[in-house]
Structure formats: C-alpha cells, structure tokens
Amino acid sequence: MNDLLFPLALDIMAKGRGRVPMFFEFDAPTECTPFLISSSLSLLWVESPQKEGRLRAGVRRTNDKESLYTEVLHEVASLGRAQEWGNVGPYTGQGIRDAVLRLDEYGLGAPDVLVSTADEDSGFVPSDWTPKAVGWVPKGWAIVLPQDRSLLGLLGSVSPTHFVIAVHNANRALMILTPESDYESQPVAEDVPVRVLPDGGGGKLRSRERSKRVHSAS
C-alpha cells in the first residue's frame, strides 16, 4: 500500500443529503492520545476524547489528497520532537533499522518503508527491506509504518475533493526519518499546543472493522 492512512470510502454516507457533511464521528478509545484530526482548514491535535468516547473530525476540501499526507508527516514530526516521543530519527541505514525495531517492539506487525520518489536510489535503505517510493514523502525523508494502516489511522473520502482525517497511535505507529543535518540541528520546540476540545475529541481505530463504525453530521 502506498497510502499513509487506511483509505475509507465515506461518499455513500454523503449521498442524498444535498451537501457534504461538516464532520464525521468515529469510535474513540482513549489509550492512544493525542489524536490528530482534520478540520475544514487545517489539522488539530486533540488530547482527550469527545463526549461518549467519540472522535469528531471535520471535512477538509482539497484537490490534492496526497498533500494531506505530507501535512500529517510534518505535524507528527513536530510534536514528536517537542514531546520527545522517540519517533523521529536520522535517515540512515541504522535509523531505518532502529525504526523497524521500534515498530516490532510495539507489536504492530510487518512494516513498510516509504521513501520520497526523489530519493528512490539513495542507498540508505538496508538490503533486507524493499522501499516503496511515493510522491508525498518530502525529499530527504523516509517513514516506517505498519502494513496495516488501520493501526495508524484513516483518511475518509467523502467525495473526490472532500476528505476527513483521523490519526491515532502517531507516537507508536509512525517512525519518521529526516536528513542527519536536519535532525541534529533542529531545535526542539518548547511548547507545541495540543488542544483539549470540550465537545470534540480523539480516539483510535484499531481495526478495519472498527474503522467502518462511522457517523456523519451535516
């Protein structure tokens, strides 16, 4: 799979309403905070679940679905560094081995290694792994994540230009590798805001079955 998140078709839920729903809600167990969700204009970090343990994610309009993946990577890398999750490291052969080992320690199954199409022949990926080159990974970056993308989150397609994002397990299921020079010189942010929404929240979707338990609101 070349997607960052589990692809979930939500278009059928929007049909017959006359307009695209404003948001969708997903089951939201609390053990994998914080959560990264879409709003109509950006991405938001949410620390605690919504009422009744549900995650509410807003519908985002864009003609470039893959740009959302790139945006998620930057958000996760920024908060991962700030909170010292240990999920961001140098893009080297050893860095990839460490990332694969970390994923294995969490019991998240077989991993995928994704690299930028601009770095397909970089030679950093150890020979025992076959990387997949994708256009949405920034140049000089690589990521390691579970083959089962539902362990990381979902991207719901409401229409060809409307999407909703719900990311959980970001600190466990997404290892991000950046150039050594960038990694070593990058200042660690002292304060990256994580919102606690009074009537919005977060959650994880551990399996594809759970990913389909969705409600929409217009």
Protein backbone atom coordinates (compact mmCIF):
# COMPACT_ATOMS: atom_id res chain seq x y z
CA MET A 1 0.00 0.00 0.00
CA ASN A 2 1.27 3.47 -0.93
CA ASP A 3 -1.13 5.39 1.32
CA LEU A 4 -0.19 6.84 4.69
CA LEU A 5 -3.55 6.05 6.26
CA PHE A 6 -6.22 3.41 5.81
CA PRO A 7 -8.47 4.56 2.92
CA LEU A 8 -12.14 4.54 3.85
CA ALA A 9 -14.93 5.39 1.39
CA LEU A 10 -17.48 7.69 3.03
CA ASP A 11 -19.11 9.01 -0.14
CA ILE A 12 -22.14 6.77 0.22
CA MET A 13 -22.93 8.39 3.58
CA ALA A 14 -22.99 11.83 1.95
CA LYS A 15 -25.31 10.87 -0.91
CA GLY A 16 -28.87 12.12 -0.74
CA ARG A 17 -28.10 14.86 1.78
CA GLY A 18 -27.78 17.62 -0.78
CA ARG A 19 -24.49 18.77 0.73
CA VAL A 20 -21.24 17.43 2.11
CA PRO A 21 -21.37 16.73 5.88
CA MET A 22 -19.42 19.10 8.10
CA PHE A 23 -17.80 16.31 10.10
CA PHE A 24 -17.74 12.58 10.82
CA GLU A 25 -17.51 10.80 14.17
CA PHE A 26 -15.52 7.68 14.95
CA ASP A 27 -15.22 5.39 17.95
CA ALA A 28 -12.53 6.79 20.21
CA PRO A 29 -10.87 4.63 22.88
CA THR A 30 -8.57 6.79 24.99
CA GLU A 31 -5.32 4.83 25.26
CA CYS A 32 -3.66 6.28 22.15
CA THR A 33 -3.73 10.03 22.73
CA PRO A 34 -3.00 12.53 21.39
CA PHE A 35 -5.04 12.34 18.21
CA LEU A 36 -4.57 14.29 15.01
CA ILE A 37 -7.80 15.20 13.25
CA SER A 38 -8.81 17.28 10.28
CA SER A 39 -10.78 20.49 10.44
CA SER A 40 -12.15 22.42 7.49
CA LEU A 41 -8.90 24.42 7.19
CA SER A 42 -6.11 22.57 8.98
CA LEU A 43 -5.13 19.70 11.25
CA LEU A 44 -5.67 19.75 15.02
CA TRP A 45 -4.09 17.82 17.86
CA VAL A 46 -6.65 16.65 20.42
CA GLU A 47 -5.67 15.33 23.82
CA SER A 48 -8.89 13.87 25.22
CA PRO A 49 -11.89 12.07 23.74
CA GLN A 50 -15.12 13.74 22.94
CA LYS A 51 -18.27 13.02 24.91
CA GLU A 52 -19.23 9.36 24.82
CA GLY A 53 -15.72 8.46 23.74
CA ARG A 54 -16.01 9.56 20.14
CA LEU A 55 -13.65 11.37 17.80
CA ARG A 56 -15.12 14.15 15.66
CA ALA A 57 -13.12 15.09 12.57
CA GLY A 58 -14.03 17.90 10.19
CA VAL A 59 -14.27 17.54 6.43
CA ARG A 60 -11.42 19.15 4.50
CA ARG A 61 -11.72 20.31 0.91
CA THR A 62 -8.70 19.88 -1.38
CA ASN A 63 -7.87 18.84 -4.91
CA ASP A 64 -4.66 17.19 -3.72
CA LYS A 65 -5.28 14.28 -1.35
CA GLU A 66 -1.58 13.45 -1.10
CA SER A 67 -0.77 16.91 0.23
CA LEU A 68 -2.77 15.93 3.32
CA TYR A 69 -0.37 13.05 3.91
CA THR A 70 2.61 15.41 3.73
CA GLU A 71 0.89 17.74 6.19
CA VAL A 72 0.32 14.87 8.62
CA LEU A 73 4.02 13.94 8.46
CA HIS A 74 5.13 17.46 9.35
CA GLU A 75 2.64 17.67 12.22
CA VAL A 76 3.69 14.32 13.69
CA ALA A 77 7.40 15.10 13.30
CA SER A 78 6.99 18.48 15.00
CA LEU A 79 5.06 17.18 18.02
CA GLY A 80 7.19 14.04 18.20
CA ARG A 81 10.32 16.13 18.60
CA ALA A 82 8.69 18.55 21.02
CA GLN A 83 7.39 15.82 23.30
CA GLU A 84 10.37 13.50 22.78
CA TRP A 85 8.33 10.53 21.62
CA GLY A 86 11.41 8.97 20.06
CA ASN A 87 9.66 8.50 16.72
CA VAL A 88 11.88 10.92 14.77
CA GLY A 89 15.44 9.99 13.85
CA PRO A 90 18.12 10.37 11.18
CA TYR A 91 17.59 8.99 7.69
CA THR A 92 20.42 6.48 7.66
CA GLY A 93 20.63 2.71 7.38
CA GLN A 94 20.85 2.43 11.15
CA GLY A 95 18.00 4.87 11.56
CA ILE A 96 15.76 2.64 9.45
CA ARG A 97 16.80 -0.47 11.40
CA ASP A 98 16.00 1.29 14.67
CA ALA A 99 12.62 2.41 13.35
CA VAL A 100 11.72 -1.12 12.22
CA LEU A 101 12.79 -2.49 15.62
CA ARG A 102 10.69 0.09 17.47
CA LEU A 103 7.63 -0.84 15.43
CA ASP A 104 8.25 -4.51 16.20
CA GLU A 105 8.54 -3.78 19.92
CA TYR A 106 5.02 -2.34 19.85
CA GLY A 107 3.72 -5.49 18.16
CA LEU A 108 2.30 -3.63 15.18
CA GLY A 109 3.01 -6.32 12.59
CA ALA A 110 5.02 -6.23 9.38
CA PRO A 111 6.36 -2.78 8.45
CA ASP A 112 6.54 -0.79 5.22
CA VAL A 113 9.44 1.54 4.42
CA LEU A 114 8.37 4.51 2.28
CA VAL A 115 10.77 6.99 0.74
CA SER A 116 10.47 10.04 -1.49
CA THR A 117 10.46 9.49 -5.24
CA ALA A 118 13.35 11.96 -5.29
CA ASP A 119 15.42 9.61 -3.09
CA GLU A 120 14.46 6.25 -4.54
CA ASP A 121 18.09 5.33 -5.20
CA SER A 122 19.63 6.93 -2.10
CA GLY A 123 21.11 3.63 -0.90
CA PHE A 124 20.17 4.30 2.74
CA VAL A 125 17.59 1.52 2.98
CA PRO A 126 19.18 -1.76 4.15
CA SER A 127 19.15 -4.55 1.58
CA ASP A 128 16.72 -6.65 3.61
CA TRP A 129 13.99 -4.05 3.05
CA THR A 130 12.46 -3.04 -0.28
CA PRO A 131 11.33 0.59 -0.02
CA LYS A 132 8.28 1.99 -1.78
CA ALA A 133 8.77 5.40 -3.40
CA VAL A 134 5.88 7.86 -3.10
CA GLY A 135 5.50 11.49 -4.06
CA TRP A 136 4.07 12.74 -0.76
CA VAL A 137 7.10 11.87 1.40
CA PRO A 138 9.32 15.00 1.48
CA LYS A 139 12.69 14.82 -0.25
CA GLY A 140 15.34 13.54 2.15
CA TRP A 141 12.77 11.85 4.39
CA ALA A 142 11.67 8.26 4.89
CA ILE A 143 8.99 6.73 7.06
CA VAL A 144 8.42 3.32 8.62
CA LEU A 145 4.86 2.31 9.48
CA PRO A 146 2.69 -0.81 9.78
CA GLN A 147 1.49 -2.50 6.61
CA ASP A 148 -1.91 -2.49 8.30
CA ARG A 149 -2.59 1.23 8.02
CA SER A 150 -5.69 0.99 10.22
CA LEU A 151 -3.25 0.79 13.15
CA LEU A 152 -2.23 4.40 12.41
CA GLY A 153 -5.48 5.99 11.31
CA LEU A 154 -7.72 6.65 8.35
CA LEU A 155 -8.36 9.02 5.51
CA GLY A 156 -12.03 9.03 4.61
CA SER A 157 -13.03 10.04 1.10
CA VAL A 158 -16.34 11.89 1.19
CA SER A 159 -16.04 12.99 -2.45
CA PRO A 160 -13.16 13.36 -4.94
CA THR A 161 -12.38 16.72 -3.29
CA HIS A 162 -13.54 16.24 0.32
CA PHE A 163 -11.66 14.21 2.92
CA VAL A 164 -11.58 13.56 6.64
CA ILE A 165 -8.52 12.50 8.67
CA ALA A 166 -8.31 10.70 11.99
CA VAL A 167 -4.82 9.70 13.21
CA HIS A 168 -4.17 7.70 16.37
CA ASN A 169 -1.05 5.89 17.56
CA ALA A 170 1.05 8.63 15.96
CA ASN A 171 3.75 8.23 18.62
CA ARG A 172 3.93 4.45 18.15
CA ALA A 173 2.94 3.58 14.60
CA LEU A 174 4.73 6.26 12.56
CA MET A 175 8.52 6.46 12.54
CA ILE A 176 9.86 9.49 10.65
CA LEU A 177 13.44 9.74 9.39
CA THR A 178 14.90 13.04 8.22
CA PRO A 179 18.36 14.10 6.96
CA GLU A 180 21.05 13.83 9.63
CA SER A 181 21.92 17.53 9.34
CA ASP A 182 18.27 18.49 9.80
CA TYR A 183 17.80 16.08 12.68
CA GLU A 184 20.88 17.23 14.55
CA SER A 185 20.30 20.96 14.09
CA GLN A 186 16.53 21.04 14.51
CA PRO A 187 15.65 22.96 17.69
CA VAL A 188 13.14 21.20 19.91
CA ALA A 189 10.04 23.31 20.36
CA GLU A 190 9.37 24.14 23.97
CA ASP A 191 5.61 24.37 23.59
CA VAL A 192 3.53 22.80 20.86
CA PRO A 193 -0.15 23.29 21.67
CA VAL A 194 -2.34 20.23 21.99
CA ARG A 195 -5.98 21.17 22.23
CA VAL A 196 -8.49 19.69 24.63
CA LEU A 197 -11.84 20.22 22.96
CA PRO A 198 -14.86 20.41 25.25
CA ASP A 199 -17.12 18.83 22.66
CA GLY A 200 -14.61 17.37 20.28
CA GLY A 201 -12.14 14.64 20.91
CA GLY A 202 -10.00 11.79 19.90
CA GLY A 203 -9.76 8.09 19.52
CA LYS A 204 -8.18 5.21 17.78
CA LEU A 205 -9.45 2.72 15.28
CA ARG A 206 -7.53 -0.48 15.83
CA SER A 207 -9.04 -2.50 13.03
CA ARG A 208 -10.75 -2.13 9.71
CA GLU A 209 -13.98 -3.33 11.29
CA ARG A 210 -13.84 -0.52 13.81
CA SER A 211 -12.90 1.96 11.09
CA LYS A 212 -16.27 1.42 9.47
CA ARG A 213 -18.23 2.42 12.57
CA VAL A 214 -18.76 5.99 11.43
CA HIS A 215 -21.47 8.59 11.79
CA SER A 216 -21.79 11.83 9.85
CA ALA A 217 -23.39 15.18 10.51
CA SER A 218 -24.28 17.91 8.07
